[in-house]
Amino acid sequence: MQFDLHPVNKTAAFWLSRAEAEDAALRDALLPLCRQLKNERYQVAVFASGTAELADHTAALLRQHRDRAARREVERERLAGQT
């Protein structure tokens, strides 16, 4: 597990391996620390390794964002032409 604490921007991140993510006792042990950090106004994130291919999912996410941006641009152009 890796833990990153950034006091300047009040963020905390836990990075769990796949084995750690599947360890219920470890995840339960993190809860009090997460609560304490949230009480101190930190934004807390717990990242867990998954079982899917990162490159495939990243490419799909990038395509989705590109397509959504293109649709928004077309809509903006359509609305600009109506004024």
N, C-alpha and C. Protein backbone atom coordinates (compact mmCIF):
# COMPACT_ATOMS: atom_id res chain seq x y z
N MET A 1 0.85 -1.17 0.00
CA MET A 1 0.00 0.00 0.00
C MET A 1 0.90 1.23 0.00
N GLN A 2 0.43 2.21 -0.76
CA GLN A 2 1.10 3.51 -0.77
C GLN A 2 0.11 4.53 -0.23
N PHE A 3 0.61 5.47 0.55
CA PHE A 3 -0.22 6.52 1.11
C PHE A 3 0.39 7.86 0.78
N ASP A 4 -0.39 8.73 0.16
CA ASP A 4 0.06 10.08 -0.20
C ASP A 4 -0.79 11.09 0.55
N LEU A 5 -0.12 11.95 1.31
CA LEU A 5 -0.80 13.00 2.06
C LEU A 5 -0.28 14.35 1.57
N HIS A 6 -1.20 15.22 1.17
CA HIS A 6 -0.84 16.53 0.65
C HIS A 6 -1.55 17.60 1.49
N PRO A 7 -0.87 18.08 2.55
CA PRO A 7 -1.50 19.05 3.45
C PRO A 7 -1.86 20.38 2.79
N VAL A 8 -1.10 20.78 1.78
CA VAL A 8 -1.34 22.08 1.15
C VAL A 8 -2.72 22.11 0.49
N ASN A 9 -3.03 21.06 -0.28
CA ASN A 9 -4.35 21.03 -0.93
C ASN A 9 -5.34 20.11 -0.22
N LYS A 10 -4.95 19.63 0.96
CA LYS A 10 -5.84 18.83 1.83
C LYS A 10 -6.39 17.59 1.12
N THR A 11 -5.48 16.83 0.50
CA THR A 11 -5.89 15.57 -0.12
C THR A 11 -5.07 14.43 0.47
N ALA A 12 -5.71 13.27 0.51
CA ALA A 12 -5.06 12.05 0.98
C ALA A 12 -5.47 10.93 0.05
N ALA A 13 -4.51 10.10 -0.34
CA ALA A 13 -4.80 9.00 -1.25
C ALA A 13 -4.13 7.73 -0.76
N PHE A 14 -4.91 6.66 -0.74
CA PHE A 14 -4.42 5.32 -0.45
C PHE A 14 -4.42 4.55 -1.76
N TRP A 15 -3.29 3.93 -2.08
CA TRP A 15 -3.16 3.14 -3.30
C TRP A 15 -2.99 1.68 -2.89
N LEU A 16 -3.98 0.85 -3.21
CA LEU A 16 -3.97 -0.55 -2.78
C LEU A 16 -3.67 -1.47 -3.96
N SER A 17 -2.86 -2.49 -3.68
CA SER A 17 -2.64 -3.53 -4.69
C SER A 17 -3.92 -4.37 -4.79
N ARG A 18 -3.97 -5.23 -5.75
CA ARG A 18 -5.15 -6.09 -5.90
C ARG A 18 -5.36 -6.94 -4.66
N ALA A 19 -4.27 -7.50 -4.13
CA ALA A 19 -4.38 -8.35 -2.93
C ALA A 19 -4.86 -7.53 -1.73
N GLU A 20 -4.33 -6.32 -1.58
CA GLU A 20 -4.74 -5.46 -0.47
C GLU A 20 -6.21 -5.05 -0.62
N ALA A 21 -6.62 -4.79 -1.85
CA ALA A 21 -8.01 -4.38 -2.08
C ALA A 21 -8.98 -5.50 -1.73
N GLU A 22 -8.54 -6.74 -1.88
CA GLU A 22 -9.40 -7.89 -1.57
C GLU A 22 -9.36 -8.27 -0.09
N ASP A 23 -8.48 -7.65 0.68
CA ASP A 23 -8.33 -7.94 2.10
C ASP A 23 -9.34 -7.11 2.91
N ALA A 24 -10.43 -7.74 3.31
CA ALA A 24 -11.49 -7.04 4.03
C ALA A 24 -11.00 -6.45 5.35
N ALA A 25 -10.12 -7.14 6.04
CA ALA A 25 -9.61 -6.65 7.31
C ALA A 25 -8.80 -5.36 7.10
N LEU A 26 -8.01 -5.32 6.05
CA LEU A 26 -7.23 -4.12 5.76
C LEU A 26 -8.14 -2.95 5.41
N ARG A 27 -9.12 -3.22 4.58
CA ARG A 27 -10.06 -2.15 4.20
C ARG A 27 -10.82 -1.63 5.43
N ASP A 28 -11.22 -2.54 6.30
CA ASP A 28 -11.90 -2.12 7.53
C ASP A 28 -10.97 -1.30 8.42
N ALA A 29 -9.69 -1.65 8.44
CA ALA A 29 -8.72 -0.93 9.25
C ALA A 29 -8.49 0.49 8.73
N LEU A 30 -8.73 0.70 7.44
CA LEU A 30 -8.54 2.03 6.85
C LEU A 30 -9.68 3.00 7.21
N LEU A 31 -10.84 2.47 7.53
CA LEU A 31 -12.01 3.32 7.78
C LEU A 31 -11.78 4.36 8.87
N PRO A 32 -11.24 4.00 10.04
CA PRO A 32 -11.04 5.04 11.07
C PRO A 32 -10.07 6.14 10.61
N LEU A 33 -9.04 5.77 9.88
CA LEU A 33 -8.09 6.77 9.38
C LEU A 33 -8.77 7.67 8.36
N CYS A 34 -9.57 7.10 7.48
CA CYS A 34 -10.30 7.90 6.50
C CYS A 34 -11.26 8.87 7.21
N ARG A 35 -11.94 8.39 8.21
CA ARG A 35 -12.85 9.27 8.97
C ARG A 35 -12.09 10.41 9.65
N GLN A 36 -10.95 10.07 10.25
CA GLN A 36 -10.14 11.09 10.92
C GLN A 36 -9.70 12.14 9.90
N LEU A 37 -9.24 11.71 8.75
CA LEU A 37 -8.79 12.66 7.72
C LEU A 37 -9.95 13.52 7.23
N LYS A 38 -11.11 12.91 7.05
CA LYS A 38 -12.28 13.69 6.62
C LYS A 38 -12.67 14.71 7.68
N ASN A 39 -12.56 14.33 8.95
CA ASN A 39 -12.85 15.28 10.03
C ASN A 39 -11.87 16.45 10.02
N GLU A 40 -10.68 16.22 9.50
CA GLU A 40 -9.68 17.28 9.38
C GLU A 40 -9.81 18.00 8.03
N ARG A 41 -10.92 17.76 7.35
CA ARG A 41 -11.26 18.42 6.09
C ARG A 41 -10.38 18.01 4.91
N TYR A 42 -9.87 16.79 4.94
CA TYR A 42 -9.13 16.26 3.81
C TYR A 42 -10.11 15.59 2.84
N GLN A 43 -9.81 15.69 1.56
CA GLN A 43 -10.52 14.92 0.55
C GLN A 43 -9.77 13.59 0.45
N VAL A 44 -10.44 12.50 0.77
CA VAL A 44 -9.79 11.19 0.85
C VAL A 44 -10.21 10.31 -0.33
N ALA A 45 -9.23 9.64 -0.92
CA ALA A 45 -9.52 8.71 -2.01
C ALA A 45 -8.78 7.41 -1.74
N VAL A 46 -9.46 6.30 -2.04
CA VAL A 46 -8.84 4.98 -1.94
C VAL A 46 -8.87 4.38 -3.34
N PHE A 47 -7.70 4.16 -3.91
CA PHE A 47 -7.57 3.59 -5.24
C PHE A 47 -7.18 2.13 -5.12
N ALA A 48 -7.88 1.28 -5.84
CA ALA A 48 -7.61 -0.16 -5.77
C ALA A 48 -7.35 -0.69 -7.17
N SER A 49 -6.33 -1.52 -7.29
CA SER A 49 -6.03 -2.15 -8.57
C SER A 49 -7.19 -3.04 -8.97
N GLY A 50 -7.48 -3.03 -10.24
CA GLY A 50 -8.58 -3.85 -10.74
C GLY A 50 -8.08 -5.06 -11.52
N THR A 51 -9.00 -5.69 -12.19
CA THR A 51 -8.65 -6.90 -12.95
C THR A 51 -8.72 -6.66 -14.45
N ALA A 52 -9.20 -5.49 -14.87
CA ALA A 52 -9.36 -5.22 -16.30
C ALA A 52 -8.08 -4.60 -16.86
N GLU A 53 -8.02 -4.57 -18.18
CA GLU A 53 -6.88 -3.98 -18.87
C GLU A 53 -6.99 -2.46 -18.84
N LEU A 54 -6.04 -1.81 -18.22
CA LEU A 54 -6.06 -0.36 -18.06
C LEU A 54 -6.03 0.35 -19.42
N ALA A 55 -5.19 -0.12 -20.33
CA ALA A 55 -5.06 0.55 -21.63
C ALA A 55 -6.38 0.53 -22.39
N ASP A 56 -7.08 -0.59 -22.37
CA ASP A 56 -8.36 -0.70 -23.08
C ASP A 56 -9.39 0.26 -22.51
N HIS A 57 -9.49 0.30 -21.20
CA HIS A 57 -10.47 1.17 -20.56
C HIS A 57 -10.11 2.65 -20.71
N THR A 58 -8.83 2.94 -20.67
CA THR A 58 -8.40 4.33 -20.85
C THR A 58 -8.72 4.79 -22.26
N ALA A 59 -8.46 3.94 -23.25
CA ALA A 59 -8.76 4.29 -24.63
C ALA A 59 -10.26 4.51 -24.83
N ALA A 60 -11.08 3.67 -24.22
CA ALA A 60 -12.53 3.82 -24.34
C ALA A 60 -12.99 5.12 -23.68
N LEU A 61 -12.42 5.44 -22.53
CA LEU A 61 -12.77 6.68 -21.84
C LEU A 61 -12.37 7.90 -22.67
N LEU A 62 -11.19 7.86 -23.26
CA LEU A 62 -10.75 8.97 -24.11
C LEU A 62 -11.65 9.13 -25.33
N ARG A 63 -12.07 8.01 -25.93
CA ARG A 63 -13.00 8.09 -27.07
C ARG A 63 -14.32 8.70 -26.64
N GLN A 64 -14.82 8.30 -25.49
CA GLN A 64 -16.08 8.84 -24.99
C GLN A 64 -15.98 10.35 -24.78
N HIS A 65 -14.88 10.81 -24.18
CA HIS A 65 -14.70 12.24 -23.96
C HIS A 65 -14.57 13.01 -25.28
N ARG A 66 -13.85 12.43 -26.23
CA ARG A 66 -13.70 13.06 -27.54
C ARG A 66 -15.05 13.18 -28.23
N ASP A 67 -15.84 12.11 -28.18
CA ASP A 67 -17.15 12.12 -28.82
C ASP A 67 -18.09 13.13 -28.15
N ARG A 68 -18.05 13.19 -26.84
CA ARG A 68 -18.91 14.13 -26.13
C ARG A 68 -18.50 15.57 -26.44
N ALA A 69 -17.20 15.82 -26.50
CA ALA A 69 -16.72 17.17 -26.84
C ALA A 69 -17.17 17.55 -28.25
N ALA A 70 -17.12 16.61 -29.18
CA ALA A 70 -17.55 16.88 -30.56
C ALA A 70 -19.04 17.18 -30.60
N ARG A 71 -19.84 16.43 -29.86
CA ARG A 71 -21.29 16.68 -29.83
C ARG A 71 -21.58 18.07 -29.25
N ARG A 72 -20.87 18.43 -28.21
CA ARG A 72 -21.07 19.76 -27.60
C ARG A 72 -20.69 20.86 -28.59
N GLU A 73 -19.61 20.67 -29.32
CA GLU A 73 -19.19 21.68 -30.29
C GLU A 73 -20.23 21.83 -31.39
N VAL A 74 -20.78 20.73 -31.87
CA VAL A 74 -21.83 20.79 -32.89
C VAL A 74 -23.04 21.52 -32.34
N GLU A 75 -23.40 21.25 -31.10
CA GLU A 75 -24.55 21.92 -30.49
C GLU A 75 -24.28 23.42 -30.34
N ARG A 76 -23.07 23.78 -29.92
CA ARG A 76 -22.72 25.21 -29.81
C ARG A 76 -22.82 25.91 -31.16
N GLU A 77 -22.31 25.25 -32.20
CA GLU A 77 -22.37 25.84 -33.53
C GLU A 77 -23.81 25.98 -34.00
N ARG A 78 -24.63 24.98 -33.69
CA ARG A 78 -26.04 25.03 -34.09
C ARG A 78 -26.74 26.20 -33.39
N LEU A 79 -26.48 26.34 -32.09
CA LEU A 79 -27.10 27.43 -31.33
C LEU A 79 -26.60 28.79 -31.77
N ALA A 80 -25.31 28.88 -32.13
CA ALA A 80 -24.75 30.15 -32.59
C ALA A 80 -25.37 30.55 -33.93
N GLY A 81 -25.72 29.58 -34.74
CA GLY A 81 -26.34 29.87 -36.02
C GLY A 81 -27.77 30.32 -35.90
N GLN A 82 -28.42 30.09 -34.79
CA GLN A 82 -29.81 30.46 -34.58
C GLN A 82 -29.94 31.91 -34.10
N THR A 83 -28.86 32.51 -33.64
CA THR A 83 -28.94 33.87 -33.09
C THR A 83 -28.74 34.91 -34.14
